[in-house]
Amino acid sequence: MRARKATALVVLLLVVAGPDLIGQPEETSEEGIEMEIEKLRLSDEEFWKGGDRYLDPVVERLGVRHFGVVIDAPRLVPLADHKTLPAFLYYMGSHRQVGTRDFKSHGIVVAVDPDANRLYFAHAARPDNPGEPRRRDDRPDREAAPPGEPPAPPDGFSTSIYEVDLAALLGLPWRPAEYLVNPILLDMPGNRVRTRLVLSRASYEDPEVTKFLAAERAKLDPPAPNPPPAEGRPLPRYSRANDTPPRPEGLGLALSAPRVVALDPGFAVPLEGAFRVPVMPEDLVKPEHVEHNRRAGLQGAKAVVTISLLITCSASPAPIPARISVPVTELAEGPDGKTIAAGEFAVDLLSFLDAPERAQTWFVYGFCREAFAGPAPVGFADRAALPGR
């Protein structure tokens, strides 16, 4: 999904650390980071007030304990009161760490509409955004780098803060919906926030309209398997094999891929996956729709699970999107009464994506309704780089 033009405010918060804090951010459990992020979150109305957000002391504390990208966004957006969906993105860590990944080139924001199972994404920092303020030297008295060598990064920590309008940045439809939003920087996924767009804080919902739309939705047919099975070829495969990752114990998605692939003639990039996810009426195969099922190759299938893939690349700032549709034969009722589909798949990514022409690393992410998996890293090695080649 291509994004519309957006603007952003970029602020650089520099933290000068004492000797006991210089170096790497402290190791903190994922649970601890999530608790800190909850403290960091603004109340909904504060997102539209502006102000010196970058002076928040919680951001300073998190900035010396965590290396990664964090997002904060309103939980509820009444469409009658607002025309934007503001969010703050924080890229934080030690100077040495933040220098290992270029957020301006590779930082992206992803939003999933779990009800529609639709993925939106865009670069967090657009080319037309104002640039970051120049980084000042935290330790001006440190020794200069030897001639011909790049200067060493300063000691201490930094947090770059980007303020974006998610609606404009991602091209989100301005109508009631729920989104799960998270940042991704190459191999580093950030936290996910849930934001809900409503007509107003107290809007009337016509039960007959709701009933009509539900009935119409139940008539929709699922798509054909994609990529389609090819006779005589091992992939794609929509069943379990020795290399398939185990299904998640609860709801979720799991991905696996070869860690290194040589750029040899005819090479493949197999991606294996397993899932246990809820399905909606449009995912279910309708036995009475005989002609559609025959044309789509859905005989014997009970549902089709569509998974959105997003691949970030070390050699290119442009993420690579793709969608696969997996036929499943195993359905069960979940504890909340929802229908749950479970299954497996294996696809060759190069059967529907362009093969890389030089050494680089891909980071493969998967999204299916509320499920999120990744990254599954794939490094591409060029044997021509070996001595004597």
Protein backbone atom coordinates (compact mmCIF):
# COMPACT_ATOMS: atom_id res chain seq x y z
CA MET A 1 0.00 0.00 0.00
CA ARG A 2 1.58 3.27 -1.11
CA ALA A 3 1.38 6.12 1.38
CA ARG A 4 0.31 9.66 0.74
CA LYS A 5 2.60 12.58 1.44
CA ALA A 6 3.10 13.29 5.14
CA THR A 7 5.00 15.68 7.34
CA ALA A 8 6.81 15.03 10.58
CA LEU A 9 8.43 16.82 13.46
CA VAL A 10 11.84 15.42 14.33
CA VAL A 11 13.56 16.15 17.63
CA LEU A 12 16.83 14.74 18.91
CA LEU A 13 17.07 14.20 22.65
CA LEU A 14 20.65 13.78 23.84
CA VAL A 15 21.36 12.20 27.20
CA VAL A 16 24.82 12.71 28.63
CA ALA A 17 25.46 9.70 30.83
CA GLY A 18 27.83 9.37 33.74
CA PRO A 19 30.65 6.78 33.67
CA ASP A 20 28.38 4.12 35.18
CA LEU A 21 25.95 4.41 32.28
CA ILE A 22 28.32 4.78 29.34
CA GLY A 23 28.24 1.88 26.87
CA GLN A 24 25.28 -0.37 26.17
CA PRO A 25 21.76 0.20 27.50
CA GLU A 26 20.90 -2.04 30.43
CA GLU A 27 19.41 -5.43 29.66
CA THR A 28 15.69 -5.25 30.38
CA SER A 29 13.09 -7.96 29.98
CA GLU A 30 10.38 -7.57 27.35
CA GLU A 31 7.84 -7.39 30.18
CA GLY A 32 9.82 -4.57 31.78
CA ILE A 33 10.00 -2.62 28.54
CA GLU A 34 6.26 -3.04 27.97
CA MET A 35 5.60 -1.68 31.47
CA GLU A 36 7.81 1.32 30.76
CA ILE A 37 6.02 1.92 27.46
CA GLU A 38 2.66 1.91 29.24
CA LYS A 39 3.99 4.59 31.59
CA LEU A 40 5.25 6.55 28.59
CA ARG A 41 1.88 6.65 26.83
CA LEU A 42 0.05 9.95 26.67
CA SER A 43 -3.63 10.39 27.39
CA ASP A 44 -5.56 10.49 24.12
CA GLU A 45 -6.30 14.22 23.98
CA GLU A 46 -2.66 15.16 24.64
CA PHE A 47 -1.70 13.90 21.18
CA TRP A 48 -3.49 16.86 19.60
CA LYS A 49 -2.18 19.47 22.07
CA GLY A 50 1.48 19.51 21.03
CA GLY A 51 4.02 20.80 23.53
CA ASP A 52 7.47 19.75 24.64
CA ARG A 53 6.90 16.02 24.44
CA TYR A 54 10.62 15.36 24.04
CA LEU A 55 11.25 16.55 27.60
CA ASP A 56 9.29 13.62 29.10
CA PRO A 57 11.53 12.12 31.84
CA VAL A 58 10.12 8.65 31.19
CA VAL A 59 11.53 8.84 27.67
CA GLU A 60 14.91 9.74 29.13
CA ARG A 61 14.82 6.75 31.48
CA LEU A 62 13.75 4.37 28.73
CA GLY A 63 16.42 5.80 26.43
CA VAL A 64 19.23 4.52 28.64
CA ARG A 65 17.65 1.08 29.17
CA HIS A 66 16.46 0.07 25.72
CA PHE A 67 17.83 -0.12 22.19
CA GLY A 68 15.06 -0.07 19.63
CA VAL A 69 12.02 1.77 18.31
CA VAL A 70 8.94 2.57 20.40
CA ILE A 71 5.60 4.00 19.26
CA ASP A 72 2.86 5.82 21.14
CA ALA A 73 -0.56 6.63 19.63
CA PRO A 74 -4.05 7.47 20.90
CA ARG A 75 -6.25 4.57 21.89
CA LEU A 76 -9.52 6.16 20.75
CA VAL A 77 -9.99 8.64 17.88
CA PRO A 78 -13.48 10.17 17.50
CA LEU A 79 -13.71 11.04 13.80
CA ALA A 80 -16.18 13.85 14.49
CA ASP A 81 -13.62 15.64 16.66
CA HIS A 82 -10.35 15.08 14.78
CA LYS A 83 -8.96 15.02 11.26
CA THR A 84 -5.58 13.45 12.05
CA LEU A 85 -4.17 10.37 13.78
CA PRO A 86 -0.98 11.62 15.49
CA ALA A 87 1.68 9.28 16.83
CA PHE A 88 5.17 9.58 18.30
CA LEU A 89 8.05 7.31 17.28
CA TYR A 90 11.17 7.04 19.44
CA TYR A 91 14.44 5.59 18.16
CA MET A 92 16.64 5.17 21.22
CA GLY A 93 19.85 3.61 22.42
CA SER A 94 23.53 4.39 22.89
CA HIS A 95 25.22 6.47 20.20
CA ARG A 96 27.17 3.39 19.16
CA GLN A 97 23.99 1.35 18.78
CA VAL A 98 21.82 3.86 16.96
CA GLY A 99 24.66 4.31 14.49
CA THR A 100 24.33 0.67 13.40
CA ARG A 101 20.93 1.18 11.75
CA ASP A 102 19.69 4.16 9.75
CA PHE A 103 16.17 4.94 10.92
CA LYS A 104 15.66 7.58 8.24
CA SER A 105 16.32 5.07 5.47
CA HIS A 106 14.95 1.85 6.93
CA GLY A 107 12.47 2.79 9.69
CA ILE A 108 8.91 1.92 8.73
CA VAL A 109 5.50 2.01 10.38
CA VAL A 110 3.05 -0.85 9.89
CA ALA A 111 -0.68 -0.86 10.63
CA VAL A 112 -2.98 -3.86 10.39
CA ASP A 113 -6.76 -3.73 10.27
CA PRO A 114 -7.43 -7.10 11.94
CA ASP A 115 -11.09 -7.20 10.95
CA ALA A 116 -10.38 -6.64 7.24
CA ASN A 117 -6.98 -8.41 7.48
CA ARG A 118 -5.40 -5.54 5.56
CA LEU A 119 -1.83 -4.28 5.90
CA TYR A 120 -0.65 -0.67 5.51
CA PHE A 121 2.99 0.45 5.69
CA ALA A 122 5.22 3.42 4.94
CA HIS A 123 8.58 4.89 5.84
CA ALA A 124 8.40 6.68 9.17
CA ALA A 125 10.72 9.45 7.96
CA ARG A 126 9.66 10.75 4.55
CA PRO A 127 12.23 12.37 2.21
CA ASP A 128 10.40 15.70 2.51
CA ASN A 129 10.51 15.72 6.32
CA PRO A 130 12.72 18.23 8.12
CA GLY A 131 16.05 16.66 9.06
CA GLU A 132 17.30 15.92 12.54
CA PRO A 133 19.20 18.65 14.33
CA ARG A 134 22.93 18.13 14.15
CA ARG A 135 24.18 15.85 16.91
CA ARG A 136 26.30 17.80 19.34
CA ASP A 137 29.41 16.21 20.79
CA ASP A 138 28.72 14.82 24.26
CA ARG A 139 32.43 14.53 25.00
CA PRO A 140 34.25 17.30 23.11
CA ASP A 141 37.49 16.57 24.97
CA ARG A 142 37.79 12.98 23.73
CA GLU A 143 40.75 12.14 21.52
CA ALA A 144 40.41 12.92 17.84
CA ALA A 145 40.23 10.05 15.37
CA PRO A 146 43.45 9.20 13.49
CA PRO A 147 43.75 10.82 10.05
CA GLY A 148 41.71 8.99 7.42
CA GLU A 149 39.50 7.20 9.95
CA PRO A 150 35.90 8.13 10.78
CA PRO A 151 35.40 9.72 14.20
CA ALA A 152 34.29 7.41 17.00
CA PRO A 153 30.69 7.85 18.15
CA PRO A 154 30.33 9.93 21.31
CA ASP A 155 29.57 8.37 24.65
CA GLY A 156 26.09 8.53 26.09
CA PHE A 157 22.63 7.87 24.68
CA SER A 158 20.17 9.52 22.33
CA THR A 159 16.49 9.37 21.45
CA SER A 160 15.28 10.62 18.07
CA ILE A 161 11.58 11.51 18.22
CA TYR A 162 9.37 11.60 15.13
CA GLU A 163 5.83 12.99 15.26
CA VAL A 164 3.71 11.68 12.38
CA ASP A 165 0.09 11.65 11.24
CA LEU A 166 -0.60 7.94 10.73
CA ALA A 167 -3.71 8.62 8.64
CA ALA A 168 -1.77 10.66 6.09
CA LEU A 169 1.44 8.64 6.31
CA LEU A 170 -0.25 5.25 5.76
CA GLY A 171 -3.23 6.36 3.71
CA LEU A 172 -5.71 4.96 6.23
CA PRO A 173 -9.40 5.22 5.30
CA TRP A 174 -10.99 7.85 7.53
CA ARG A 175 -13.86 5.68 8.77
CA PRO A 176 -14.53 3.52 11.84
CA ALA A 177 -11.94 0.79 12.18
CA GLU A 178 -9.40 -0.68 14.57
CA TYR A 179 -5.67 -0.81 13.87
CA LEU A 180 -2.67 -2.53 15.38
CA VAL A 181 0.34 -0.29 14.75
CA ASN A 182 4.03 -0.98 15.25
CA PRO A 183 7.38 0.32 13.97
CA ILE A 184 10.01 -1.90 12.34
CA LEU A 185 13.68 -1.11 11.78
CA LEU A 186 15.27 -3.94 9.77
CA ASP A 187 15.58 -6.80 12.30
CA MET A 188 14.06 -4.81 15.19
CA PRO A 189 10.27 -4.80 15.55
CA GLY A 190 8.90 -2.29 18.03
CA ASN A 191 5.94 -2.45 20.38
CA ARG A 192 2.37 -2.66 19.05
CA VAL A 193 -0.36 -0.21 20.00
CA ARG A 194 -4.08 -0.62 19.36
CA THR A 195 -5.99 2.43 18.19
CA ARG A 196 -9.68 2.57 17.39
CA LEU A 197 -11.41 5.05 15.08
CA VAL A 198 -15.06 5.72 15.97
CA LEU A 199 -17.64 8.16 14.60
CA SER A 200 -17.94 9.83 17.99
CA ARG A 201 -17.61 8.95 21.64
CA ALA A 202 -21.33 8.16 21.83
CA SER A 203 -22.50 7.23 18.33
CA TYR A 204 -25.67 5.30 17.53
CA GLU A 205 -25.27 1.95 15.81
CA ASP A 206 -28.28 0.76 13.82
CA PRO A 207 -28.72 -2.96 14.57
CA GLU A 208 -30.51 -3.60 11.29
CA VAL A 209 -27.65 -2.09 9.28
CA THR A 210 -25.20 -4.20 11.27
CA LYS A 211 -27.29 -7.30 10.59
CA PHE A 212 -27.50 -6.52 6.85
CA LEU A 213 -23.74 -6.03 6.48
CA ALA A 214 -23.04 -9.26 8.39
CA ALA A 215 -25.34 -11.18 6.05
CA GLU A 216 -23.66 -9.69 2.98
CA ARG A 217 -20.22 -10.48 4.39
CA ALA A 218 -21.22 -14.11 4.89
CA LYS A 219 -21.85 -14.44 1.13
CA LEU A 220 -18.29 -13.52 0.15
CA ASP A 221 -15.99 -16.24 -1.18
CA PRO A 222 -12.36 -16.72 -0.14
CA PRO A 223 -9.55 -16.30 -2.69
CA ALA A 224 -7.80 -19.14 -4.50
CA PRO A 225 -4.61 -20.57 -2.97
CA ASN A 226 -1.66 -18.28 -3.69
CA PRO A 227 0.86 -19.15 -4.90
CA PRO A 228 -1.10 -21.89 -6.67
CA PRO A 229 0.12 -25.48 -6.31
CA ALA A 230 2.28 -26.59 -9.25
CA GLU A 231 2.20 -30.21 -10.32
CA GLY A 232 5.62 -31.84 -10.16
CA ARG A 233 7.13 -29.15 -7.92
CA PRO A 234 7.70 -29.47 -4.18
CA LEU A 235 6.65 -25.89 -3.46
CA PRO A 236 4.28 -24.41 -2.63
CA ARG A 237 3.12 -26.94 -0.06
CA TYR A 238 0.14 -26.45 2.21
CA SER A 239 0.78 -29.22 4.71
CA ARG A 240 3.26 -30.14 7.45
CA ALA A 241 6.79 -31.38 6.72
CA ASN A 242 9.99 -31.99 8.70
CA ASP A 243 11.14 -28.35 8.46
CA THR A 244 7.78 -26.80 9.34
CA PRO A 245 7.83 -24.85 12.61
CA PRO A 246 5.38 -26.05 15.27
CA ARG A 247 2.00 -24.40 15.49
CA PRO A 248 1.68 -21.76 18.20
CA GLU A 249 0.10 -23.14 21.36
CA GLY A 250 -2.43 -20.34 21.37
CA LEU A 251 -3.45 -17.98 18.58
CA GLY A 252 -0.51 -16.85 16.50
CA LEU A 253 1.81 -17.27 13.53
CA ALA A 254 5.29 -18.81 13.27
CA LEU A 255 7.81 -18.37 10.42
CA SER A 256 11.14 -20.01 9.58
CA ALA A 257 13.57 -19.60 6.70
CA PRO A 258 17.15 -20.68 5.90
CA ARG A 259 19.55 -18.41 7.74
CA VAL A 260 22.00 -18.17 4.79
CA VAL A 261 21.36 -18.75 1.09
CA ALA A 262 24.16 -18.77 -1.51
CA LEU A 263 23.58 -16.69 -4.64
CA ASP A 264 24.08 -19.71 -6.90
CA PRO A 265 22.26 -20.25 -10.19
CA GLY A 266 18.68 -21.38 -9.62
CA PHE A 267 18.73 -20.75 -5.86
CA ALA A 268 15.47 -20.73 -3.88
CA VAL A 269 14.33 -19.08 -0.66
CA PRO A 270 11.88 -21.41 1.09
CA LEU A 271 9.70 -19.85 3.78
CA GLU A 272 7.93 -22.24 6.14
CA GLY A 273 5.08 -21.28 8.42
CA ALA A 274 2.44 -22.54 10.82
CA PHE A 275 -0.52 -20.74 12.32
CA ARG A 276 -3.55 -20.87 14.52
CA VAL A 277 -5.74 -17.84 13.76
CA PRO A 278 -9.41 -16.83 13.81
CA VAL A 279 -11.21 -16.76 10.48
CA MET A 280 -14.04 -14.49 9.40
CA PRO A 281 -17.09 -15.35 7.25
CA GLU A 282 -15.34 -14.29 4.01
CA ASP A 283 -12.54 -16.79 4.73
CA LEU A 284 -14.86 -19.80 4.86
CA VAL A 285 -15.40 -22.01 1.82
CA LYS A 286 -19.11 -22.15 0.89
CA PRO A 287 -19.91 -25.71 -0.26
CA GLU A 288 -22.93 -24.43 -2.21
CA HIS A 289 -20.68 -22.21 -4.37
CA VAL A 290 -19.58 -25.17 -6.46
CA GLU A 291 -18.38 -23.27 -9.52
CA HIS A 292 -16.23 -20.81 -7.58
CA ASN A 293 -14.67 -23.61 -5.53
CA ARG A 294 -13.87 -25.55 -8.70
CA ARG A 295 -12.26 -22.56 -10.44
CA ALA A 296 -10.32 -21.58 -7.33
CA GLY A 297 -9.10 -25.10 -6.60
CA LEU A 298 -10.75 -25.20 -3.18
CA GLN A 299 -12.25 -28.69 -3.33
CA GLY A 300 -11.68 -30.27 0.08
CA ALA A 301 -10.69 -26.98 1.76
CA LYS A 302 -12.78 -25.52 4.58
CA ALA A 303 -11.27 -22.05 4.66
CA VAL A 304 -8.49 -19.90 3.25
CA VAL A 305 -6.11 -17.97 5.53
CA THR A 306 -4.44 -14.94 3.94
CA ILE A 307 -1.09 -13.89 5.38
CA SER A 308 0.59 -10.58 4.51
CA LEU A 309 4.38 -10.66 4.29
CA LEU A 310 6.64 -7.64 4.60
CA ILE A 311 10.36 -7.95 3.94
CA THR A 312 12.86 -5.33 5.03
CA CYS A 313 16.23 -5.35 3.24
CA SER A 314 19.65 -4.30 4.48
CA ALA A 315 20.67 -3.22 0.97
CA SER A 316 17.54 -1.25 0.09
CA PRO A 317 15.26 1.14 1.96
CA ALA A 318 12.17 -0.12 0.09
CA PRO A 319 10.23 -2.84 1.96
CA ILE A 320 8.90 -5.72 -0.15
CA PRO A 321 5.23 -6.66 0.39
CA ALA A 322 3.56 -9.93 -0.61
CA ARG A 323 0.45 -11.93 0.23
CA ILE A 324 -0.05 -15.67 0.41
CA SER A 325 -3.40 -17.46 0.70
CA VAL A 326 -3.30 -20.84 2.44
CA PRO A 327 -6.09 -23.41 2.09
CA VAL A 328 -6.89 -25.16 5.37
CA THR A 329 -8.88 -28.25 6.28
CA GLU A 330 -8.76 -27.96 10.07
CA LEU A 331 -11.29 -25.73 11.84
CA ALA A 332 -12.23 -25.62 15.52
CA GLU A 333 -14.32 -23.46 17.80
CA GLY A 334 -12.36 -21.16 20.08
CA PRO A 335 -13.21 -20.39 23.73
CA ASP A 336 -14.94 -17.15 22.68
CA GLY A 337 -17.05 -18.87 20.03
CA LYS A 338 -14.88 -17.72 17.11
CA THR A 339 -13.89 -20.19 14.39
CA ILE A 340 -10.17 -20.99 14.55
CA ALA A 341 -8.17 -22.27 11.56
CA ALA A 342 -4.91 -24.16 11.97
CA GLY A 343 -2.48 -25.13 9.24
CA GLU A 344 0.97 -24.99 7.68
CA PHE A 345 2.60 -23.76 4.49
CA ALA A 346 5.88 -23.66 2.62
CA VAL A 347 6.53 -21.32 -0.31
CA ASP A 348 9.54 -20.28 -2.37
CA LEU A 349 9.70 -16.50 -1.98
CA LEU A 350 11.39 -16.22 -5.37
CA SER A 351 8.37 -17.76 -7.08
CA PHE A 352 6.64 -14.38 -6.68
CA LEU A 353 9.45 -11.94 -5.75
CA ASP A 354 12.52 -10.75 -7.64
CA ALA A 355 15.73 -12.50 -6.62
CA PRO A 356 18.40 -10.32 -4.99
CA GLU A 357 21.37 -9.67 -7.26
CA ARG A 358 23.95 -9.00 -4.56
CA ALA A 359 24.80 -9.97 -1.01
CA GLN A 360 22.36 -8.59 1.56
CA THR A 361 20.01 -9.71 4.32
CA TRP A 362 16.24 -9.95 4.23
CA PHE A 363 14.10 -9.82 7.36
CA VAL A 364 10.74 -11.49 6.77
CA TYR A 365 7.70 -10.48 8.83
CA GLY A 366 4.22 -12.00 8.71
CA PHE A 367 0.82 -10.54 9.61
CA CYS A 368 -2.57 -12.25 9.81
CA ARG A 369 -5.37 -10.41 11.57
CA GLU A 370 -3.97 -9.91 15.11
CA ALA A 371 -1.10 -12.37 14.66
CA PHE A 372 2.40 -11.02 14.06
CA ALA A 373 5.60 -13.01 13.48
CA GLY A 374 9.19 -12.25 12.64
CA PRO A 375 11.72 -11.39 11.74
CA ALA A 376 12.89 -14.53 9.95
CA PRO A 377 16.34 -13.41 8.70
CA VAL A 378 17.77 -14.66 5.40
CA GLY A 379 21.33 -13.70 4.53
CA PHE A 380 22.42 -13.91 0.88
CA ALA A 381 26.06 -14.87 0.38
CA ASP A 382 28.01 -14.37 -2.86
CA ARG A 383 30.67 -17.06 -3.37
CA ALA A 384 32.42 -14.67 -5.77
CA ALA A 385 33.68 -12.86 -2.68
CA LEU A 386 35.81 -15.88 -1.74
CA PRO A 387 39.57 -15.72 -2.43
CA GLY A 388 40.49 -17.01 -5.86
CA ARG A 389 36.98 -16.66 -7.32
